């Protein structure tokens, strides 16, 4: 499922109704959460973040319904925790030459 945000920005994330603990037991969830990922289509096509690894297959299928994966010019990863980059490995199997932009800390993790 994708949601058109504004102009050329689409939410391509995933809802998780089952999660009860987020970041270990630091946050209790009673109504689930969402893993936010955005597809921006401008001069370049950019994917911002992915989703939790448990939703990798569904995320990639939904993304493929929205766009040819090979048309993604680069991926931005805000940080390397599961909720932002969990599906990155599975996605990179499909588009291995796509550049990834992230912080040095994300590279190290």
C-alpha atoms as a PDB file:
ATOM      1  CA  UNK A   1       0.000   0.000   0.000  1.00  0.00           C
ATOM      2  CA  UNK A   2       1.220   3.473  -0.814  1.00  0.00           C
ATOM      3  CA  UNK A   3      -0.235   6.802   0.191  1.00  0.00           C
ATOM      4  CA  UNK A   4       0.234   9.888  -1.937  1.00  0.00           C
ATOM      5  CA  UNK A   5       1.457  12.639   0.350  1.00  0.00           C
ATOM      6  CA  UNK A   6       2.024  15.805  -1.619  1.00  0.00           C
ATOM      7  CA  UNK A   7       3.320  16.525  -5.085  1.00  0.00           C
ATOM      8  CA  UNK A   8       5.783  13.734  -5.886  1.00  0.00           C
ATOM      9  CA  UNK A   9       6.106  12.289  -2.377  1.00  0.00           C
ATOM     10  CA  UNK A  10       4.600   8.893  -1.568  1.00  0.00           C
ATOM     11  CA  UNK A  11       4.520   7.052   1.752  1.00  0.00           C
ATOM     12  CA  UNK A  12       5.612   3.486   0.992  1.00  0.00           C
ATOM     13  CA  UNK A  13       6.014   2.312   4.585  1.00  0.00           C
ATOM     14  CA  UNK A  14       4.338  -0.452   6.488  1.00  0.00           C
ATOM     15  CA  UNK A  15       1.845  -0.637   9.332  1.00  0.00           C
ATOM     16  CA  UNK A  16       2.520  -3.086  12.142  1.00  0.00           C
ATOM     17  CA  UNK A  17      -0.581  -3.753  14.224  1.00  0.00           C
ATOM     18  CA  UNK A  18       1.061  -6.536  16.243  1.00  0.00           C
ATOM     19  CA  UNK A  19       4.017  -4.735  17.816  1.00  0.00           C
ATOM     20  CA  UNK A  20       3.686  -4.149  21.555  1.00  0.00           C
ATOM     21  CA  UNK A  21       7.240  -3.220  22.525  1.00  0.00           C
ATOM     22  CA  UNK A  22       9.250  -0.716  20.536  1.00  0.00           C
ATOM     23  CA  UNK A  23      12.998  -0.277  21.027  1.00  0.00           C
ATOM     24  CA  UNK A  24      13.047  -3.183  23.453  1.00  0.00           C
ATOM     25  CA  UNK A  25      10.659  -2.423  26.275  1.00  0.00           C
ATOM     26  CA  UNK A  26      11.359   1.313  26.254  1.00  0.00           C
ATOM     27  CA  UNK A  27       8.044   2.164  24.593  1.00  0.00           C
ATOM     28  CA  UNK A  28       4.790   0.247  25.028  1.00  0.00           C
ATOM     29  CA  UNK A  29       2.467   0.214  22.046  1.00  0.00           C
ATOM     30  CA  UNK A  30      -1.261  -0.407  22.389  1.00  0.00           C
ATOM     31  CA  UNK A  31      -2.349   0.327  18.816  1.00  0.00           C
ATOM     32  CA  UNK A  32       0.641  -0.783  16.763  1.00  0.00           C
ATOM     33  CA  UNK A  33       3.027   1.459  14.885  1.00  0.00           C
ATOM     34  CA  UNK A  34       4.135   2.364  11.397  1.00  0.00           C
ATOM     35  CA  UNK A  35       7.515   2.075   9.740  1.00  0.00           C
ATOM     36  CA  UNK A  36       7.848   5.152   7.580  1.00  0.00           C
ATOM     37  CA  UNK A  37       9.497   5.052   4.191  1.00  0.00           C
ATOM     38  CA  UNK A  38       9.083   7.684   1.509  1.00  0.00           C
ATOM     39  CA  UNK A  39       9.539   7.661  -2.241  1.00  0.00           C
ATOM     40  CA  UNK A  40      10.341  11.057  -3.733  1.00  0.00           C
ATOM     41  CA  UNK A  41      10.124  11.482  -7.493  1.00  0.00           C
ATOM     42  CA  UNK A  42      11.771  14.680  -8.636  1.00  0.00           C
ATOM     43  CA  UNK A  43      14.838  15.208 -10.823  1.00  0.00           C
ATOM     44  CA  UNK A  44      16.112  12.085  -9.098  1.00  0.00           C
ATOM     45  CA  UNK A  45      14.069   9.289  -7.569  1.00  0.00           C
ATOM     46  CA  UNK A  46      14.955   8.825  -3.916  1.00  0.00           C
ATOM     47  CA  UNK A  47      13.870   6.256  -1.354  1.00  0.00           C
ATOM     48  CA  UNK A  48      14.068   7.474   2.244  1.00  0.00           C
ATOM     49  CA  UNK A  49      14.443   4.560   4.681  1.00  0.00           C
ATOM     50  CA  UNK A  50      12.914   1.088   4.472  1.00  0.00           C
ATOM     51  CA  UNK A  51      10.875  -0.851   7.060  1.00  0.00           C
ATOM     52  CA  UNK A  52      11.347  -3.533   9.708  1.00  0.00           C
ATOM     53  CA  UNK A  53      12.899  -6.704   8.255  1.00  0.00           C
ATOM     54  CA  UNK A  54       9.778  -8.762   9.082  1.00  0.00           C
ATOM     55  CA  UNK A  55       7.981  -6.825   6.343  1.00  0.00           C
ATOM     56  CA  UNK A  56      10.777  -6.948   3.738  1.00  0.00           C
ATOM     57  CA  UNK A  57       8.941  -9.050   1.170  1.00  0.00           C
ATOM     58  CA  UNK A  58       5.689  -7.103   1.426  1.00  0.00           C
ATOM     59  CA  UNK A  59       7.564  -3.779   1.357  1.00  0.00           C
ATOM     60  CA  UNK A  60       9.422  -4.722  -1.820  1.00  0.00           C
ATOM     61  CA  UNK A  61       6.254  -6.021  -3.498  1.00  0.00           C
ATOM     62  CA  UNK A  62       4.411  -2.793  -2.664  1.00  0.00           C
ATOM     63  CA  UNK A  63       7.338  -0.717  -3.868  1.00  0.00           C
ATOM     64  CA  UNK A  64       7.463  -2.680  -7.148  1.00  0.00           C
ATOM     65  CA  UNK A  65       3.769  -1.911  -7.705  1.00  0.00           C
ATOM     66  CA  UNK A  66       4.602   1.783  -7.378  1.00  0.00           C
ATOM     67  CA  UNK A  67       7.861   1.975  -9.346  1.00  0.00           C
ATOM     68  CA  UNK A  68      10.453  -0.004 -11.291  1.00  0.00           C
ATOM     69  CA  UNK A  69      13.051  -0.584  -8.573  1.00  0.00           C
ATOM     70  CA  UNK A  70      15.871   0.066 -11.031  1.00  0.00           C
ATOM     71  CA  UNK A  71      14.634   3.634 -11.432  1.00  0.00           C
ATOM     72  CA  UNK A  72      15.551   4.453  -7.814  1.00  0.00           C
ATOM     73  CA  UNK A  73      18.594   6.708  -8.135  1.00  0.00           C
ATOM     74  CA  UNK A  74      19.666   6.430  -4.503  1.00  0.00           C
ATOM     75  CA  UNK A  75      18.548   5.462  -1.014  1.00  0.00           C
ATOM     76  CA  UNK A  76      18.876   7.597   2.108  1.00  0.00           C
ATOM     77  CA  UNK A  77      19.056   5.753   5.423  1.00  0.00           C
ATOM     78  CA  UNK A  78      18.462   8.012   8.421  1.00  0.00           C
ATOM     79  CA  UNK A  79      19.950   5.497  10.829  1.00  0.00           C
ATOM     80  CA  UNK A  80      20.647   1.795  10.954  1.00  0.00           C
ATOM     81  CA  UNK A  81      18.027   0.611  13.434  1.00  0.00           C
ATOM     82  CA  UNK A  82      15.551  -2.036  12.265  1.00  0.00           C
ATOM     83  CA  UNK A  83      12.615   0.341  11.973  1.00  0.00           C
ATOM     84  CA  UNK A  84      14.479   2.454   9.397  1.00  0.00           C
ATOM     85  CA  UNK A  85      16.711  -0.008   7.562  1.00  0.00           C
ATOM     86  CA  UNK A  86      15.507  -3.533   8.319  1.00  0.00           C
ATOM     87  CA  UNK A  87      14.454  -4.280   4.729  1.00  0.00           C
ATOM     88  CA  UNK A  88      17.543  -2.690   3.186  1.00  0.00           C
ATOM     89  CA  UNK A  89      19.443  -5.967   2.702  1.00  0.00           C
ATOM     90  CA  UNK A  90      16.542  -7.618   0.886  1.00  0.00           C
ATOM     91  CA  UNK A  91      16.021  -4.530  -1.262  1.00  0.00           C
ATOM     92  CA  UNK A  92      19.712  -4.356  -2.173  1.00  0.00           C
ATOM     93  CA  UNK A  93      19.541  -7.941  -3.442  1.00  0.00           C
ATOM     94  CA  UNK A  94      17.165  -6.586  -6.104  1.00  0.00           C
ATOM     95  CA  UNK A  95      19.076  -3.366  -6.864  1.00  0.00           C
ATOM     96  CA  UNK A  96      22.674  -3.995  -5.728  1.00  0.00           C
ATOM     97  CA  UNK A  97      24.272  -1.055  -7.531  1.00  0.00           C
ATOM     98  CA  UNK A  98      21.999   1.618  -6.085  1.00  0.00           C
ATOM     99  CA  UNK A  99      23.970   4.140  -4.000  1.00  0.00           C
ATOM    100  CA  UNK A 100      23.102   4.450  -0.310  1.00  0.00           C
ATOM    101  CA  UNK A 101      23.614   7.682   1.606  1.00  0.00           C
ATOM    102  CA  UNK A 102      23.886   7.504   5.382  1.00  0.00           C
ATOM    103  CA  UNK A 103      25.947   8.690   8.317  1.00  0.00           C
ATOM    104  CA  UNK A 104      29.285   7.194   9.278  1.00  0.00           C
ATOM    105  CA  UNK A 105      27.617   5.722  12.378  1.00  0.00           C
ATOM    106  CA  UNK A 106      25.136   3.887  10.150  1.00  0.00           C
ATOM    107  CA  UNK A 107      27.982   2.402   8.121  1.00  0.00           C
ATOM    108  CA  UNK A 108      29.616   1.105  11.296  1.00  0.00           C
ATOM    109  CA  UNK A 109      26.466  -0.615  12.563  1.00  0.00           C
END
